Structures are given as C-alpha cells and as structure tokens.
Amino acid sequence: MSLPRFEICPHQFSMKMPGRDNKVAVVVGTVTDDIRIQDIPKLKICALKVTDRARRRIVKAGGQVMTFDQLALSSPKGHGTVLLSGTKIEILICPNFYSLLLSRPYVRSKGRKFERARGRRSSRAYKN
C-alpha cells in the first residue's frame, strides 16, 4: 500500500519548527505557495518538488531550497534535519488502518448482511 504524497506550504514550516532556526526542514512531498500568508520566515527546505511561486518567495525571504541530492552532500548522516509529515493516515485513504474504533474490517461484500450487526451500529445493542 502506498500513500499519496502530501502538500505543505511554507507557513506550516514556521509553525512546526519553533526554535529550530538553523535546521533543514525535509519534506517527502510538494511545497506549495499559500497566498494568504504575507510574511515567510527565512527557511532551509529540502523537498521532492517545490512550485515556482513558493521557491521565489522562500528565496526572496533569504531562505534556501535544496534537493535530496544536495541534502545528502551537505549532511550525509542527516544531522541538523527535521523530517516533517502531513496527516499520516486518512480515514478515506486507508479505512482499515485507522484507530480501533473507526477502522473498518476487510469484508467479502459490502451488502446489508455483511458485518453490520452488533458492535457496528448503536441500534443493535451497543457500539463501541
């Protein structure tokens, strides 16, 4: 199973990295621009893909955008990096791997009679 890559905007970097000014934010995904945010702090970012507008705004603020190859040359062991991630598992993307109460079982059919009884509906005695 492979999850889709997520998108993140530069403002979320500043929210997730307080006190980590000299570290490189690493994203396995796309960095996009958010026009609602006026001021972007100085950031060092490593990502798979960066949109042109986001790259211009980061560089204009005095930041740096690098690829994973450049990151491997600058810090081979990964010291001074922070790996950022989005929401790990969404209910609709991976319904079988969510929390125990909300996860759905693997069923042979999705009809009316298949795994819809006690414990799955509150109208049938209980629902955890």
C-alpha atoms as a PDB file:
ATOM      1  CA  MET A   1       0.000   0.000   0.000  1.00  0.00           C
ATOM      2  CA  SER A   2       1.372   3.403  -0.886  1.00  0.00           C
ATOM      3  CA  LEU A   3       0.039   6.661   0.467  1.00  0.00           C
ATOM      4  CA  PRO A   4      -0.099   9.684  -1.806  1.00  0.00           C
ATOM      5  CA  ARG A   5       2.457  12.403  -1.223  1.00  0.00           C
ATOM      6  CA  PHE A   6       1.140  15.409   0.574  1.00  0.00           C
ATOM      7  CA  GLU A   7       1.470  19.131   0.019  1.00  0.00           C
ATOM      8  CA  ILE A   8       2.695  21.640   2.573  1.00  0.00           C
ATOM      9  CA  CYS A   9       3.016  25.415   2.454  1.00  0.00           C
ATOM     10  CA  PRO A  10       5.907  27.477   3.869  1.00  0.00           C
ATOM     11  CA  HIS A  11       3.753  28.857   6.683  1.00  0.00           C
ATOM     12  CA  GLN A  12       3.339  25.348   8.099  1.00  0.00           C
ATOM     13  CA  PHE A  13       7.113  25.042   8.280  1.00  0.00           C
ATOM     14  CA  SER A  14       7.313  28.028  10.592  1.00  0.00           C
ATOM     15  CA  MET A  15       4.545  26.608  12.773  1.00  0.00           C
ATOM     16  CA  LYS A  16       6.140  23.164  13.049  1.00  0.00           C
ATOM     17  CA  MET A  17       9.709  24.345  13.593  1.00  0.00           C
ATOM     18  CA  PRO A  18       9.813  26.742  16.559  1.00  0.00           C
ATOM     19  CA  GLY A  19      13.327  27.069  17.954  1.00  0.00           C
ATOM     20  CA  ARG A  20      14.863  25.142  15.057  1.00  0.00           C
ATOM     21  CA  ASP A  21      16.172  28.072  13.079  1.00  0.00           C
ATOM     22  CA  ASN A  22      19.398  26.520  11.807  1.00  0.00           C
ATOM     23  CA  LYS A  23      17.918  23.142  10.832  1.00  0.00           C
ATOM     24  CA  VAL A  24      16.780  21.925   7.423  1.00  0.00           C
ATOM     25  CA  ALA A  25      13.099  21.037   7.028  1.00  0.00           C
ATOM     26  CA  VAL A  26      12.781  17.840   4.980  1.00  0.00           C
ATOM     27  CA  VAL A  27       9.530  17.049   3.182  1.00  0.00           C
ATOM     28  CA  VAL A  28       8.836  13.954   1.108  1.00  0.00           C
ATOM     29  CA  GLY A  29       6.229  15.729  -0.950  1.00  0.00           C
ATOM     30  CA  THR A  30       5.407  19.025  -2.597  1.00  0.00           C
ATOM     31  CA  VAL A  31       5.904  22.503  -1.173  1.00  0.00           C
ATOM     32  CA  THR A  32       3.224  24.856  -2.477  1.00  0.00           C
ATOM     33  CA  ASP A  33       2.598  28.564  -2.026  1.00  0.00           C
ATOM     34  CA  ASP A  34      -0.116  29.988   0.203  1.00  0.00           C
ATOM     35  CA  ILE A  35      -1.152  33.484  -0.840  1.00  0.00           C
ATOM     36  CA  ARG A  36      -2.989  34.083   2.447  1.00  0.00           C
ATOM     37  CA  ILE A  37       0.334  34.339   4.295  1.00  0.00           C
ATOM     38  CA  GLN A  38       2.158  37.625   3.785  1.00  0.00           C
ATOM     39  CA  ASP A  39       5.460  37.132   5.621  1.00  0.00           C
ATOM     40  CA  ILE A  40       7.512  33.970   5.221  1.00  0.00           C
ATOM     41  CA  PRO A  41      10.435  33.472   7.606  1.00  0.00           C
ATOM     42  CA  LYS A  42      13.918  32.504   6.470  1.00  0.00           C
ATOM     43  CA  LEU A  43      13.796  28.746   5.879  1.00  0.00           C
ATOM     44  CA  LYS A  44      16.027  25.937   4.656  1.00  0.00           C
ATOM     45  CA  ILE A  45      13.861  23.416   2.852  1.00  0.00           C
ATOM     46  CA  CYS A  46      14.550  20.094   1.168  1.00  0.00           C
ATOM     47  CA  ALA A  47      11.640  18.640  -0.817  1.00  0.00           C
ATOM     48  CA  LEU A  48      10.858  16.385  -3.734  1.00  0.00           C
ATOM     49  CA  LYS A  49       9.070  19.179  -5.563  1.00  0.00           C
ATOM     50  CA  VAL A  50       8.680  22.919  -4.973  1.00  0.00           C
ATOM     51  CA  THR A  51       6.364  25.083  -7.020  1.00  0.00           C
ATOM     52  CA  ASP A  52       7.924  28.072  -8.769  1.00  0.00           C
ATOM     53  CA  ARG A  53       5.999  30.642  -6.779  1.00  0.00           C
ATOM     54  CA  ALA A  54       6.870  29.018  -3.442  1.00  0.00           C
ATOM     55  CA  ARG A  55      10.534  28.824  -4.453  1.00  0.00           C
ATOM     56  CA  ARG A  56      10.592  32.532  -5.353  1.00  0.00           C
ATOM     57  CA  ARG A  57       9.031  33.551  -2.045  1.00  0.00           C
ATOM     58  CA  ILE A  58      11.376  31.380   0.039  1.00  0.00           C
ATOM     59  CA  VAL A  59      14.492  32.645  -1.745  1.00  0.00           C
ATOM     60  CA  LYS A  60      13.254  36.248  -1.535  1.00  0.00           C
ATOM     61  CA  ALA A  61      12.915  35.871   2.254  1.00  0.00           C
ATOM     62  CA  GLY A  62      16.556  34.757   2.441  1.00  0.00           C
ATOM     63  CA  GLY A  63      15.853  31.049   2.600  1.00  0.00           C
ATOM     64  CA  GLN A  64      17.269  28.136   0.678  1.00  0.00           C
ATOM     65  CA  VAL A  65      15.593  25.359  -1.305  1.00  0.00           C
ATOM     66  CA  MET A  66      17.534  22.172  -1.974  1.00  0.00           C
ATOM     67  CA  THR A  67      17.021  18.720  -3.419  1.00  0.00           C
ATOM     68  CA  PHE A  68      17.672  15.438  -1.671  1.00  0.00           C
ATOM     69  CA  ASP A  69      20.963  15.071  -3.554  1.00  0.00           C
ATOM     70  CA  GLN A  70      22.173  18.397  -2.207  1.00  0.00           C
ATOM     71  CA  LEU A  71      20.994  17.434   1.280  1.00  0.00           C
ATOM     72  CA  ALA A  72      22.941  14.166   1.092  1.00  0.00           C
ATOM     73  CA  LEU A  73      26.092  16.101   0.237  1.00  0.00           C
ATOM     74  CA  SER A  74      25.631  18.733   2.937  1.00  0.00           C
ATOM     75  CA  SER A  75      24.679  16.370   5.784  1.00  0.00           C
ATOM     76  CA  PRO A  76      25.253  12.705   4.889  1.00  0.00           C
ATOM     77  CA  LYS A  77      24.047  11.330   8.230  1.00  0.00           C
ATOM     78  CA  GLY A  78      21.060  13.625   8.484  1.00  0.00           C
ATOM     79  CA  HIS A  79      22.269  15.735  11.388  1.00  0.00           C
ATOM     80  CA  GLY A  80      20.541  19.090  11.606  1.00  0.00           C
ATOM     81  CA  THR A  81      17.440  17.988   9.713  1.00  0.00           C
ATOM     82  CA  VAL A  82      13.799  17.797  10.737  1.00  0.00           C
ATOM     83  CA  LEU A  83      11.515  15.412   8.851  1.00  0.00           C
ATOM     84  CA  LEU A  84       8.053  16.918   8.502  1.00  0.00           C
ATOM     85  CA  SER A  85       4.959  14.957   7.597  1.00  0.00           C
ATOM     86  CA  GLY A  86       1.318  15.667   7.000  1.00  0.00           C
ATOM     87  CA  THR A  87      -1.600  13.688   8.344  1.00  0.00           C
ATOM     88  CA  LYS A  88      -0.392  10.130   8.419  1.00  0.00           C
ATOM     89  CA  ILE A  89      -3.471   8.109   7.558  1.00  0.00           C
ATOM     90  CA  GLU A  90      -6.791   9.471   6.450  1.00  0.00           C
ATOM     91  CA  ILE A  91      -9.982   7.511   7.004  1.00  0.00           C
ATOM     92  CA  LEU A  92     -10.924   7.556   3.333  1.00  0.00           C
ATOM     93  CA  ILE A  93      -7.462   6.680   2.045  1.00  0.00           C
ATOM     94  CA  CYS A  94      -6.757   3.774   4.400  1.00  0.00           C
ATOM     95  CA  PRO A  95     -10.001   2.805   6.143  1.00  0.00           C
ATOM     96  CA  ASN A  96      -8.546  -0.394   7.573  1.00  0.00           C
ATOM     97  CA  PHE A  97      -5.577   1.205   9.344  1.00  0.00           C
ATOM     98  CA  TYR A  98      -7.242   3.970  11.355  1.00  0.00           C
ATOM     99  CA  SER A  99      -7.935   3.982  15.101  1.00  0.00           C
ATOM    100  CA  LEU A 100      -9.569   0.883  16.524  1.00  0.00           C
ATOM    101  CA  LEU A 101     -12.993   2.435  16.909  1.00  0.00           C
ATOM    102  CA  LEU A 102     -13.182   3.926  13.434  1.00  0.00           C
ATOM    103  CA  SER A 103     -11.388   1.278  11.382  1.00  0.00           C
ATOM    104  CA  ARG A 104     -13.375  -0.874   9.020  1.00  0.00           C
ATOM    105  CA  PRO A 105     -12.865  -4.617   8.642  1.00  0.00           C
ATOM    106  CA  TYR A 106     -11.951  -6.400   5.467  1.00  0.00           C
ATOM    107  CA  VAL A 107     -15.256  -7.856   4.250  1.00  0.00           C
ATOM    108  CA  ARG A 108     -16.135 -10.126   1.387  1.00  0.00           C
ATOM    109  CA  SER A 109     -19.117  -7.977   0.379  1.00  0.00           C
ATOM    110  CA  LYS A 110     -20.446  -4.566   1.291  1.00  0.00           C
ATOM    111  CA  GLY A 111     -24.093  -5.561   1.363  1.00  0.00           C
ATOM    112  CA  ARG A 112     -26.719  -5.247   4.068  1.00  0.00           C
ATOM    113  CA  LYS A 113     -25.964  -8.550   5.793  1.00  0.00           C
ATOM    114  CA  PHE A 114     -22.173  -8.461   5.974  1.00  0.00           C
ATOM    115  CA  GLU A 115     -20.604  -7.327   9.248  1.00  0.00           C
ATOM    116  CA  ARG A 116     -23.253  -4.772  10.087  1.00  0.00           C
ATOM    117  CA  ALA A 117     -24.609  -6.354  13.266  1.00  0.00           C
ATOM    118  CA  ARG A 118     -23.873  -5.877  16.999  1.00  0.00           C
ATOM    119  CA  GLY A 119     -20.976  -3.616  17.800  1.00  0.00           C
ATOM    120  CA  ARG A 120     -21.124  -1.852  14.457  1.00  0.00           C
ATOM    121  CA  ARG A 121     -24.399   0.043  14.927  1.00  0.00           C
ATOM    122  CA  SER A 122     -25.733   1.669  18.071  1.00  0.00           C
ATOM    123  CA  SER A 123     -29.257   0.497  17.234  1.00  0.00           C
ATOM    124  CA  ARG A 124     -28.119  -3.132  17.684  1.00  0.00           C
ATOM    125  CA  ALA A 125     -27.452  -3.273  21.437  1.00  0.00           C
ATOM    126  CA  TYR A 126     -24.153  -1.344  21.530  1.00  0.00           C
ATOM    127  CA  LYS A 127     -21.487   0.414  19.545  1.00  0.00           C
ATOM    128  CA  ASN A 128     -18.032   0.946  20.996  1.00  0.00           C
END
